C-alpha atoms as a PDB file:
ATOM      1  CA  UNK A   1      -0.016  -0.030   0.135  1.00  0.00           C
ATOM      2  CA  UNK A   2       1.171   3.571  -1.071  1.00  0.00           C
ATOM      3  CA  UNK A   3       1.698   6.055   1.218  1.00  0.00           C
ATOM      4  CA  UNK A   4       0.353   9.349   0.336  1.00  0.00           C
ATOM      5  CA  UNK A   5       0.372  12.854   1.437  1.00  0.00           C
ATOM      6  CA  UNK A   6      -3.329  14.583   1.836  1.00  0.00           C
ATOM      7  CA  UNK A   7      -3.955  17.708  -0.012  1.00  0.00           C
ATOM      8  CA  UNK A   8      -5.539  20.987   0.699  1.00  0.00           C
ATOM      9  CA  UNK A   9      -4.100  20.622   4.369  1.00  0.00           C
ATOM     10  CA  UNK A  10      -3.635  23.848   6.150  1.00  0.00           C
ATOM     11  CA  UNK A  11      -0.494  23.868   8.628  1.00  0.00           C
ATOM     12  CA  UNK A  12       0.065  26.640  11.392  1.00  0.00           C
ATOM     13  CA  UNK A  13       3.527  27.642  12.396  1.00  0.00           C
ATOM     14  CA  UNK A  14       3.871  24.938  15.045  1.00  0.00           C
ATOM     15  CA  UNK A  15       2.763  22.589  12.185  1.00  0.00           C
ATOM     16  CA  UNK A  16       4.988  23.990   9.933  1.00  0.00           C
ATOM     17  CA  UNK A  17       8.055  23.228  12.530  1.00  0.00           C
ATOM     18  CA  UNK A  18       6.787  19.696  12.901  1.00  0.00           C
ATOM     19  CA  UNK A  19       7.129  19.206   9.064  1.00  0.00           C
ATOM     20  CA  UNK A  20      10.687  20.414   8.999  1.00  0.00           C
ATOM     21  CA  UNK A  21      11.636  18.479  11.804  1.00  0.00           C
ATOM     22  CA  UNK A  22      10.078  15.332  10.091  1.00  0.00           C
ATOM     23  CA  UNK A  23      11.440  16.041   6.865  1.00  0.00           C
ATOM     24  CA  UNK A  24      15.013  16.084   8.064  1.00  0.00           C
ATOM     25  CA  UNK A  25      14.402  12.847  10.088  1.00  0.00           C
ATOM     26  CA  UNK A  26      12.631  11.115   6.509  1.00  0.00           C
ATOM     27  CA  UNK A  27      14.846  12.293   4.151  1.00  0.00           C
ATOM     28  CA  UNK A  28      18.167  12.105   6.985  1.00  0.00           C
ATOM     29  CA  UNK A  29      19.317  15.633   6.498  1.00  0.00           C
ATOM     30  CA  UNK A  30      21.118  18.290   9.005  1.00  0.00           C
ATOM     31  CA  UNK A  31      17.970  20.192  10.275  1.00  0.00           C
ATOM     32  CA  UNK A  32      19.344  23.249   9.924  1.00  0.00           C
ATOM     33  CA  UNK A  33      20.249  22.887   6.423  1.00  0.00           C
ATOM     34  CA  UNK A  34      16.592  21.940   6.419  1.00  0.00           C
ATOM     35  CA  UNK A  35      15.700  25.182   7.451  1.00  0.00           C
ATOM     36  CA  UNK A  36      17.742  27.084   5.452  1.00  0.00           C
ATOM     37  CA  UNK A  37      16.403  25.340   1.926  1.00  0.00           C
ATOM     38  CA  UNK A  38      13.417  25.646   2.655  1.00  0.00           C
ATOM     39  CA  UNK A  39      13.146  29.303   3.917  1.00  0.00           C
ATOM     40  CA  UNK A  40      15.013  29.916   0.146  1.00  0.00           C
ATOM     41  CA  UNK A  41      12.419  28.100  -1.406  1.00  0.00           C
ATOM     42  CA  UNK A  42       9.509  29.904   0.802  1.00  0.00           C
ATOM     43  CA  UNK A  43      11.403  33.735  -0.680  1.00  0.00           C
ATOM     44  CA  UNK A  44      10.968  31.973  -4.081  1.00  0.00           C
ATOM     45  CA  UNK A  45       7.330  31.248  -3.557  1.00  0.00           C
ATOM     46  CA  UNK A  46       6.534  34.714  -2.501  1.00  0.00           C
ATOM     47  CA  UNK A  47       7.869  35.792  -5.928  1.00  0.00           C
ATOM     48  CA  UNK A  48       4.589  34.135  -7.238  1.00  0.00           C
ATOM     49  CA  UNK A  49       2.186  35.930  -4.618  1.00  0.00           C
ATOM     50  CA  UNK A  50       3.872  38.886  -4.744  1.00  0.00           C
ATOM     51  CA  UNK A  51       1.965  41.768  -6.926  1.00  0.00           C
ATOM     52  CA  UNK A  52       2.263  42.080  -9.841  1.00  0.00           C
ATOM     53  CA  UNK A  53       0.038  39.646 -11.262  1.00  0.00           C
ATOM     54  CA  UNK A  54      -0.552  38.553 -14.965  1.00  0.00           C
ATOM     55  CA  UNK A  55      -3.165  40.490 -16.821  1.00  0.00           C
ATOM     56  CA  UNK A  56      -6.478  38.956 -15.805  1.00  0.00           C
ATOM     57  CA  UNK A  57      -5.300  37.157 -12.681  1.00  0.00           C
ATOM     58  CA  UNK A  58      -7.794  39.548 -10.516  1.00  0.00           C
ATOM     59  CA  UNK A  59      -5.271  39.275  -7.771  1.00  0.00           C
ATOM     60  CA  UNK A  60      -4.721  35.262  -7.790  1.00  0.00           C
ATOM     61  CA  UNK A  61      -1.561  34.328  -6.362  1.00  0.00           C
ATOM     62  CA  UNK A  62      -0.133  32.780  -9.696  1.00  0.00           C
ATOM     63  CA  UNK A  63       2.344  32.707 -12.389  1.00  0.00           C
ATOM     64  CA  UNK A  64       3.700  36.168 -10.491  1.00  0.00           C
ATOM     65  CA  UNK A  65       7.182  35.026 -11.546  1.00  0.00           C
ATOM     66  CA  UNK A  66       6.421  35.519 -15.538  1.00  0.00           C
ATOM     67  CA  UNK A  67       6.773  38.072 -17.922  1.00  0.00           C
ATOM     68  CA  UNK A  68       3.449  38.177 -18.587  1.00  0.00           C
ATOM     69  CA  UNK A  69       3.376  39.478 -14.690  1.00  0.00           C
ATOM     70  CA  UNK A  70       6.280  42.155 -15.515  1.00  0.00           C
ATOM     71  CA  UNK A  71       4.126  43.365 -18.402  1.00  0.00           C
ATOM     72  CA  UNK A  72       1.120  44.035 -16.584  1.00  0.00           C
ATOM     73  CA  UNK A  73       2.766  45.693 -13.967  1.00  0.00           C
ATOM     74  CA  UNK A  74       4.148  48.016 -16.573  1.00  0.00           C
ATOM     75  CA  UNK A  75       1.249  48.770 -18.082  1.00  0.00           C
ATOM     76  CA  UNK A  76      -0.415  49.482 -14.686  1.00  0.00           C
ATOM     77  CA  UNK A  77       2.524  52.528 -14.410  1.00  0.00           C
ATOM     78  CA  UNK A  78       1.249  53.543 -17.717  1.00  0.00           C
ATOM     79  CA  UNK A  79      -2.322  53.829 -17.468  1.00  0.00           C
ATOM     80  CA  UNK A  80      -2.139  55.097 -13.973  1.00  0.00           C
ATOM     81  CA  UNK A  81      -0.030  57.833 -15.112  1.00  0.00           C
ATOM     82  CA  UNK A  82      -2.379  58.689 -17.827  1.00  0.00           C
ATOM     83  CA  UNK A  83      -5.305  58.221 -15.463  1.00  0.00           C
ATOM     84  CA  UNK A  84      -4.309  60.920 -13.415  1.00  0.00           C
ATOM     85  CA  UNK A  85      -2.147  63.088 -15.300  1.00  0.00           C
ATOM     86  CA  UNK A  86      -3.134  64.262 -18.945  1.00  0.00           C
ATOM     87  CA  UNK A  87      -1.007  65.937 -21.801  1.00  0.00           C
ATOM     88  CA  UNK A  88      -2.422  69.275 -22.544  1.00  0.00           C
ATOM     89  CA  UNK A  89      -3.388  68.757 -26.243  1.00  0.00           C
ATOM     90  CA  UNK A  90      -5.352  65.738 -25.165  1.00  0.00           C
ATOM     91  CA  UNK A  91      -7.197  68.032 -22.514  1.00  0.00           C
ATOM     92  CA  UNK A  92     -11.243  68.983 -23.102  1.00  0.00           C
ATOM     93  CA  UNK A  93     -12.344  72.426 -22.527  1.00  0.00           C
ATOM     94  CA  UNK A  94     -14.051  71.658 -19.345  1.00  0.00           C
ATOM     95  CA  UNK A  95     -10.692  70.465 -17.771  1.00  0.00           C
ATOM     96  CA  UNK A  96      -8.574  73.296 -19.396  1.00  0.00           C
ATOM     97  CA  UNK A  97     -11.329  75.947 -17.882  1.00  0.00           C
ATOM     98  CA  UNK A  98     -10.647  74.218 -14.461  1.00  0.00           C
ATOM     99  CA  UNK A  99      -6.944  74.763 -13.975  1.00  0.00           C
ATOM    100  CA  UNK A 100      -7.955  78.491 -13.422  1.00  0.00           C
ATOM    101  CA  UNK A 101      -5.153  79.597 -15.267  1.00  0.00           C
ATOM    102  CA  UNK A 102      -5.245  81.684 -18.821  1.00  0.00           C
ATOM    103  CA  UNK A 103      -1.663  80.771 -19.597  1.00  0.00           C
ATOM    104  CA  UNK A 104      -3.066  77.292 -19.906  1.00  0.00           C
ATOM    105  CA  UNK A 105      -5.844  78.342 -22.032  1.00  0.00           C
ATOM    106  CA  UNK A 106      -3.282  80.156 -24.550  1.00  0.00           C
ATOM    107  CA  UNK A 107      -1.088  77.064 -24.412  1.00  0.00           C
ATOM    108  CA  UNK A 108      -4.158  74.580 -25.258  1.00  0.00           C
ATOM    109  CA  UNK A 109      -5.938  77.034 -27.560  1.00  0.00           C
ATOM    110  CA  UNK A 110      -2.491  77.335 -29.731  1.00  0.00           C
ATOM    111  CA  UNK A 111      -1.984  73.901 -29.822  1.00  0.00           C
ATOM    112  CA  UNK A 112      -5.291  73.691 -31.130  1.00  0.00           C
ATOM    113  CA  UNK A 113      -4.452  76.150 -34.104  1.00  0.00           C
ATOM    114  CA  UNK A 114      -5.620  79.587 -32.682  1.00  0.00           C
ATOM    115  CA  UNK A 115      -6.160  81.757 -29.685  1.00  0.00           C
ATOM    116  CA  UNK A 116      -8.319  83.832 -31.514  1.00  0.00           C
ATOM    117  CA  UNK A 117     -11.427  80.894 -32.581  1.00  0.00           C
ATOM    118  CA  UNK A 118     -14.710  82.704 -31.999  1.00  0.00           C
ATOM    119  CA  UNK A 119     -16.085  82.492 -28.362  1.00  0.00           C
ATOM    120  CA  UNK A 120     -12.356  81.625 -27.179  1.00  0.00           C
ATOM    121  CA  UNK A 121     -11.036  85.123 -27.293  1.00  0.00           C
ATOM    122  CA  UNK A 122     -11.783  85.656 -23.857  1.00  0.00           C
ATOM    123  CA  UNK A 123     -10.140  83.604 -21.271  1.00  0.00           C
ATOM    124  CA  UNK A 124     -13.408  84.546 -18.787  1.00  0.00           C
ATOM    125  CA  UNK A 125     -16.024  83.978 -21.111  1.00  0.00           C
ATOM    126  CA  UNK A 126     -14.271  80.772 -21.650  1.00  0.00           C
ATOM    127  CA  UNK A 127     -13.868  79.871 -18.406  1.00  0.00           C
ATOM    128  CA  UNK A 128     -17.256  80.988 -17.341  1.00  0.00           C
ATOM    129  CA  UNK A 129     -19.012  78.633 -20.176  1.00  0.00           C
ATOM    130  CA  UNK A 130     -16.558  75.706 -19.672  1.00  0.00           C
ATOM    131  CA  UNK A 131     -15.342  75.233 -15.787  1.00  0.00           C
ATOM    132  CA  UNK A 132     -17.585  72.438 -13.673  1.00  0.00           C
ATOM    133  CA  UNK A 133     -15.977  73.494 -10.692  1.00  0.00           C
ATOM    134  CA  UNK A 134     -12.913  70.870 -10.049  1.00  0.00           C
ATOM    135  CA  UNK A 135      -9.495  72.072  -9.520  1.00  0.00           C
ATOM    136  CA  UNK A 136      -7.182  70.687 -12.002  1.00  0.00           C
ATOM    137  CA  UNK A 137      -3.372  71.780 -11.828  1.00  0.00           C
ATOM    138  CA  UNK A 138      -1.220  72.362 -14.283  1.00  0.00           C
ATOM    139  CA  UNK A 139       2.772  70.765 -14.756  1.00  0.00           C
ATOM    140  CA  UNK A 140       4.541  72.772 -16.736  1.00  0.00           C
ATOM    141  CA  UNK A 141       7.647  71.456 -19.012  1.00  0.00           C
ATOM    142  CA  UNK A 142      10.552  69.284 -17.449  1.00  0.00           C
ATOM    143  CA  UNK A 143       8.721  69.327 -13.735  1.00  0.00           C
ATOM    144  CA  UNK A 144       9.076  65.656 -13.751  1.00  0.00           C
ATOM    145  CA  UNK A 145       9.254  65.993  -9.717  1.00  0.00           C
ATOM    146  CA  UNK A 146       5.744  67.042  -9.723  1.00  0.00           C
ATOM    147  CA  UNK A 147       4.699  63.889 -11.858  1.00  0.00           C
ATOM    148  CA  UNK A 148       5.849  61.841  -9.628  1.00  0.00           C
ATOM    149  CA  UNK A 149       4.574  63.765  -6.452  1.00  0.00           C
ATOM    150  CA  UNK A 150       1.271  63.632  -8.179  1.00  0.00           C
ATOM    151  CA  UNK A 151       1.618  60.184  -9.141  1.00  0.00           C
ATOM    152  CA  UNK A 152       2.280  59.054  -5.438  1.00  0.00           C
ATOM    153  CA  UNK A 153      -0.421  61.030  -3.814  1.00  0.00           C
ATOM    154  CA  UNK A 154      -2.687  59.185  -5.977  1.00  0.00           C
ATOM    155  CA  UNK A 155      -2.018  55.711  -5.061  1.00  0.00           C
ATOM    156  CA  UNK A 156      -2.324  53.911  -2.091  1.00  0.00           C
ATOM    157  CA  UNK A 157       0.247  52.405   0.518  1.00  0.00           C
ATOM    158  CA  UNK A 158       2.160  55.521   0.613  1.00  0.00           C
ATOM    159  CA  UNK A 159       2.439  55.732  -3.156  1.00  0.00           C
ATOM    160  CA  UNK A 160       3.320  52.245  -3.715  1.00  0.00           C
ATOM    161  CA  UNK A 161       0.443  50.818  -4.257  1.00  0.00           C
ATOM    162  CA  UNK A 162      -2.920  50.808  -6.381  1.00  0.00           C
ATOM    163  CA  UNK A 163      -4.544  54.023  -7.383  1.00  0.00           C
ATOM    164  CA  UNK A 164      -6.985  55.223  -4.742  1.00  0.00           C
ATOM    165  CA  UNK A 165     -10.506  54.528  -5.227  1.00  0.00           C
ATOM    166  CA  UNK A 166     -11.159  58.398  -6.254  1.00  0.00           C
ATOM    167  CA  UNK A 167      -8.891  58.155  -8.863  1.00  0.00           C
ATOM    168  CA  UNK A 168     -10.047  54.880 -10.077  1.00  0.00           C
ATOM    169  CA  UNK A 169     -13.400  56.079 -11.362  1.00  0.00           C
ATOM    170  CA  UNK A 170     -14.323  56.193 -15.005  1.00  0.00           C
ATOM    171  CA  UNK A 171     -16.026  59.874 -14.229  1.00  0.00           C
ATOM    172  CA  UNK A 172     -13.224  61.691 -12.527  1.00  0.00           C
ATOM    173  CA  UNK A 173     -11.486  64.078 -14.092  1.00  0.00           C
ATOM    174  CA  UNK A 174      -7.339  64.314 -14.119  1.00  0.00           C
ATOM    175  CA  UNK A 175      -5.684  65.494 -11.233  1.00  0.00           C
ATOM    176  CA  UNK A 176      -3.185  67.544 -13.558  1.00  0.00           C
ATOM    177  CA  UNK A 177      -2.567  68.872 -17.191  1.00  0.00           C
ATOM    178  CA  UNK A 178       0.858  68.227 -18.130  1.00  0.00           C
ATOM    179  CA  UNK A 179       2.644  70.465 -20.993  1.00  0.00           C
ATOM    180  CA  UNK A 180       5.084  68.134 -22.582  1.00  0.00           C
ATOM    181  CA  UNK A 181       3.911  64.122 -23.318  1.00  0.00           C
ATOM    182  CA  UNK A 182       7.407  63.266 -23.367  1.00  0.00           C
ATOM    183  CA  UNK A 183       7.941  64.354 -19.522  1.00  0.00           C
ATOM    184  CA  UNK A 184       5.124  61.776 -18.865  1.00  0.00           C
ATOM    185  CA  UNK A 185       6.501  59.077 -21.399  1.00  0.00           C
ATOM    186  CA  UNK A 186      10.133  59.582 -19.648  1.00  0.00           C
ATOM    187  CA  UNK A 187       8.497  59.328 -16.120  1.00  0.00           C
ATOM    188  CA  UNK A 188       6.771  56.215 -17.200  1.00  0.00           C
ATOM    189  CA  UNK A 189       9.982  54.400 -18.092  1.00  0.00           C
ATOM    190  CA  UNK A 190      11.674  55.635 -15.770  1.00  0.00           C
ATOM    191  CA  UNK A 191       9.248  53.992 -12.802  1.00  0.00           C
ATOM    192  CA  UNK A 192       8.893  50.792 -15.433  1.00  0.00           C
ATOM    193  CA  UNK A 193      12.319  50.315 -14.069  1.00  0.00           C
ATOM    194  CA  UNK A 194      10.460  49.260 -10.265  1.00  0.00           C
ATOM    195  CA  UNK A 195       8.329  46.630 -11.596  1.00  0.00           C
ATOM    196  CA  UNK A 196       9.120  43.723  -9.322  1.00  0.00           C
ATOM    197  CA  UNK A 197      10.644  45.918  -6.551  1.00  0.00           C
ATOM    198  CA  UNK A 198       8.009  43.895  -3.920  1.00  0.00           C
ATOM    199  CA  UNK A 199       9.432  40.822  -5.443  1.00  0.00           C
ATOM    200  CA  UNK A 200      12.733  41.287  -5.653  1.00  0.00           C
ATOM    201  CA  UNK A 201      12.996  41.979  -1.571  1.00  0.00           C
ATOM    202  CA  UNK A 202      12.258  38.078  -1.728  1.00  0.00           C
ATOM    203  CA  UNK A 203      15.665  37.158  -3.884  1.00  0.00           C
ATOM    204  CA  UNK A 204      17.489  39.630  -1.441  1.00  0.00           C
ATOM    205  CA  UNK A 205      16.378  38.123   1.256  1.00  0.00           C
ATOM    206  CA  UNK A 206      16.575  34.378   0.473  1.00  0.00           C
ATOM    207  CA  UNK A 207      20.795  35.520  -0.853  1.00  0.00           C
ATOM    208  CA  UNK A 208      21.404  36.954   2.650  1.00  0.00           C
ATOM    209  CA  UNK A 209      20.477  33.877   4.346  1.00  0.00           C
ATOM    210  CA  UNK A 210      22.554  31.324   1.803  1.00  0.00           C
ATOM    211  CA  UNK A 211      19.984  30.074  -0.620  1.00  0.00           C
ATOM    212  CA  UNK A 212      20.416  28.586  -3.640  1.00  0.00           C
ATOM    213  CA  UNK A 213      17.502  28.938  -5.373  1.00  0.00           C
ATOM    214  CA  UNK A 214      16.934  30.588  -8.863  1.00  0.00           C
ATOM    215  CA  UNK A 215      15.054  34.143  -9.329  1.00  0.00           C
ATOM    216  CA  UNK A 216      14.023  35.622 -12.493  1.00  0.00           C
ATOM    217  CA  UNK A 217      16.154  37.859 -13.529  1.00  0.00           C
ATOM    218  CA  UNK A 218      13.729  40.626 -14.470  1.00  0.00           C
ATOM    219  CA  UNK A 219      13.007  40.670 -10.086  1.00  0.00           C
ATOM    220  CA  UNK A 220      16.372  40.504  -9.374  1.00  0.00           C
ATOM    221  CA  UNK A 221      17.249  43.717 -11.023  1.00  0.00           C
ATOM    222  CA  UNK A 222      14.578  45.775  -9.630  1.00  0.00           C
ATOM    223  CA  UNK A 223      16.558  46.266  -6.381  1.00  0.00           C
ATOM    224  CA  UNK A 224      14.860  46.676  -3.118  1.00  0.00           C
ATOM    225  CA  UNK A 225      17.828  45.081  -1.069  1.00  0.00           C
ATOM    226  CA  UNK A 226      17.328  47.546   1.379  1.00  0.00           C
ATOM    227  CA  UNK A 227      13.466  46.038   2.796  1.00  0.00           C
ATOM    228  CA  UNK A 228      14.988  42.602   2.769  1.00  0.00           C
ATOM    229  CA  UNK A 229      14.698  40.904   6.360  1.00  0.00           C
ATOM    230  CA  UNK A 230      17.127  37.903   6.828  1.00  0.00           C
ATOM    231  CA  UNK A 231      18.498  36.558   9.865  1.00  0.00           C
ATOM    232  CA  UNK A 232      20.260  33.142   9.909  1.00  0.00           C
ATOM    233  CA  UNK A 233      21.069  31.228  13.588  1.00  0.00           C
ATOM    234  CA  UNK A 234      21.209  27.811  11.952  1.00  0.00           C
ATOM    235  CA  UNK A 235      24.136  27.032  13.832  1.00  0.00           C
ATOM    236  CA  UNK A 236      22.182  27.981  17.211  1.00  0.00           C
ATOM    237  CA  UNK A 237      22.572  24.530  19.253  1.00  0.00           C
ATOM    238  CA  UNK A 238      19.200  22.674  19.595  1.00  0.00           C
ATOM    239  CA  UNK A 239      17.130  25.321  18.343  1.00  0.00           C
ATOM    240  CA  UNK A 240      18.667  26.690  14.856  1.00  0.00           C
ATOM    241  CA  UNK A 241      16.188  28.961  12.679  1.00  0.00           C
ATOM    242  CA  UNK A 242      16.352  31.663  10.066  1.00  0.00           C
ATOM    243  CA  UNK A 243      13.899  34.566   9.391  1.00  0.00           C
ATOM    244  CA  UNK A 244      12.654  35.861   6.183  1.00  0.00           C
ATOM    245  CA  UNK A 245      10.393  39.113   5.396  1.00  0.00           C
ATOM    246  CA  UNK A 246       9.919  42.026   3.860  1.00  0.00           C
ATOM    247  CA  UNK A 247      10.196  45.668   6.097  1.00  0.00           C
ATOM    248  CA  UNK A 248       7.043  47.196   4.448  1.00  0.00           C
ATOM    249  CA  UNK A 249       5.019  44.404   6.172  1.00  0.00           C
ATOM    250  CA  UNK A 250       1.238  44.535   4.799  1.00  0.00           C
ATOM    251  CA  UNK A 251       1.808  47.828   2.885  1.00  0.00           C
ATOM    252  CA  UNK A 252       4.605  45.902   1.072  1.00  0.00           C
ATOM    253  CA  UNK A 253       2.331  42.883   0.275  1.00  0.00           C
ATOM    254  CA  UNK A 254      -0.695  44.860   0.112  1.00  0.00           C
ATOM    255  CA  UNK A 255      -4.350  43.788   1.964  1.00  0.00           C
ATOM    256  CA  UNK A 256      -3.560  40.351   0.608  1.00  0.00           C
ATOM    257  CA  UNK A 257      -0.240  39.464   2.873  1.00  0.00           C
ATOM    258  CA  UNK A 258      -0.663  37.203   5.273  1.00  0.00           C
ATOM    259  CA  UNK A 259      -3.266  35.094   2.805  1.00  0.00           C
ATOM    260  CA  UNK A 260      -0.060  34.707   0.710  1.00  0.00           C
ATOM    261  CA  UNK A 261       2.413  34.185   3.097  1.00  0.00           C
ATOM    262  CA  UNK A 262      -0.114  31.106   4.569  1.00  0.00           C
ATOM    263  CA  UNK A 263      -0.452  29.685   0.767  1.00  0.00           C
ATOM    264  CA  UNK A 264       2.936  29.761   0.827  1.00  0.00           C
ATOM    265  CA  UNK A 265       3.588  28.071   3.871  1.00  0.00           C
ATOM    266  CA  UNK A 266       0.838  25.463   3.472  1.00  0.00           C
ATOM    267  CA  UNK A 267       2.806  24.765  -0.744  1.00  0.00           C
ATOM    268  CA  UNK A 268       5.806  24.067   1.728  1.00  0.00           C
ATOM    269  CA  UNK A 269       4.580  21.723   4.067  1.00  0.00           C
ATOM    270  CA  UNK A 270       2.408  19.470   0.801  1.00  0.00           C
ATOM    271  CA  UNK A 271       6.140  19.602  -1.117  1.00  0.00           C
ATOM    272  CA  UNK A 272       7.883  18.490   1.988  1.00  0.00           C
ATOM    273  CA  UNK A 273       5.443  16.054   2.414  1.00  0.00           C
ATOM    274  CA  UNK A 274       5.307  14.656  -1.186  1.00  0.00           C
ATOM    275  CA  UNK A 275       9.127  14.169  -1.003  1.00  0.00           C
ATOM    276  CA  UNK A 276       8.723  12.060   2.521  1.00  0.00           C
ATOM    277  CA  UNK A 277       6.178   9.997   0.936  1.00  0.00           C
ATOM    278  CA  UNK A 278       8.125   9.375  -1.865  1.00  0.00           C
ATOM    279  CA  UNK A 279      10.919   8.135  -0.097  1.00  0.00           C
ATOM    280  CA  UNK A 280       8.923   6.095   2.320  1.00  0.00           C
ATOM    281  CA  UNK A 281       7.549   4.491  -0.604  1.00  0.00           C
ATOM    282  CA  UNK A 282      10.619   3.702  -2.745  1.00  0.00           C
ATOM    283  CA  UNK A 283      12.219   2.456   0.775  1.00  0.00           C
ATOM    284  CA  UNK A 284       9.171   0.536   1.626  1.00  0.00           C
ATOM    285  CA  UNK A 285       8.385   1.645   4.863  1.00  0.00           C
ATOM    286  CA  UNK A 286       4.818   2.317   6.522  1.00  0.00           C
ATOM    287  CA  UNK A 287       3.605   5.219   8.390  1.00  0.00           C
ATOM    288  CA  UNK A 288       4.816   3.949  11.329  1.00  0.00           C
ATOM    289  CA  UNK A 289       8.302   4.301  10.488  1.00  0.00           C
ATOM    290  CA  UNK A 290       7.706   8.411  10.448  1.00  0.00           C
ATOM    291  CA  UNK A 291       8.316   8.731  14.312  1.00  0.00           C
ATOM    292  CA  UNK A 292       5.836  11.809  15.196  1.00  0.00           C
ATOM    293  CA  UNK A 293       2.001  10.122  15.610  1.00  0.00           C
ATOM    294  CA  UNK A 294       0.687  14.161  14.811  1.00  0.00           C
ATOM    295  CA  UNK A 295       2.772  13.736  11.750  1.00  0.00           C
ATOM    296  CA  UNK A 296       0.917  10.444  10.263  1.00  0.00           C
ATOM    297  CA  UNK A 297      -2.696  12.595  10.647  1.00  0.00           C
ATOM    298  CA  UNK A 298      -0.992  14.804   7.378  1.00  0.00           C
ATOM    299  CA  UNK A 299      -0.589  10.988   5.349  1.00  0.00           C
ATOM    300  CA  UNK A 300      -2.948   8.690   4.015  1.00  0.00           C
ATOM    301  CA  UNK A 301      -2.353   4.840   3.012  1.00  0.00           C
ATOM    302  CA  UNK A 302      -3.951   4.137  -0.573  1.00  0.00           C
END
């Protein structure tokens, strides 16, 4: 009769520690090396469970290490920038009027062919007719600092998350009109280099504990070493341990951080049970050869 692992089993921290100890025993390995190896694998799993995800996944922690996820992250940056910041050449008359600035009107009207078109000659008349009572700012040519500040202000998690609900609404006017579209494109290109930054924290955490897992190149280059938590205490007598984490905590992982960590922990436990079951079956051993009665609950005979 073959030994199989129970699937879809949730494990808490104490149960996970039991898995680690039993895995070391069954596989004939040192507990410290097992802990370090599993911690590195956990970090690799978290790349999948950290935004961005591929388009259409709707936050599902899957395939977060693919180039499709990277492209979706880049698209999100571009879309969010153009949602809140509009090049003046694409602005409506209502948006121009709501800047409350005559010079912006002149700039816009000039870009549309003339500052002397019928009904647009006088700024006061124009604003009186088209203003909708909004307060839209104006960002002049070359002011990429103002572009960055506006983008950060409009996003959750201190400027690192998705657009705030107000700015996601279809009817919401832009936060600002921008004189040069090229300034927006330059900013988008710069911001796109940070796609995968949250994921890269887990790469650096793995590296710092001496992990050997391979990570996607675009994740390793995103650069968030400063946010990595990595404490290697595997040489501690009787109780070796490794701590890995993300200094941004829930903010760095958005609102789903605890759920994603739980998913990764469950998967790590499942993977270890699979390896143990394979070895026990290969060696023709039974569940009773697993010393812990508690551990036997995670397996079945088939």
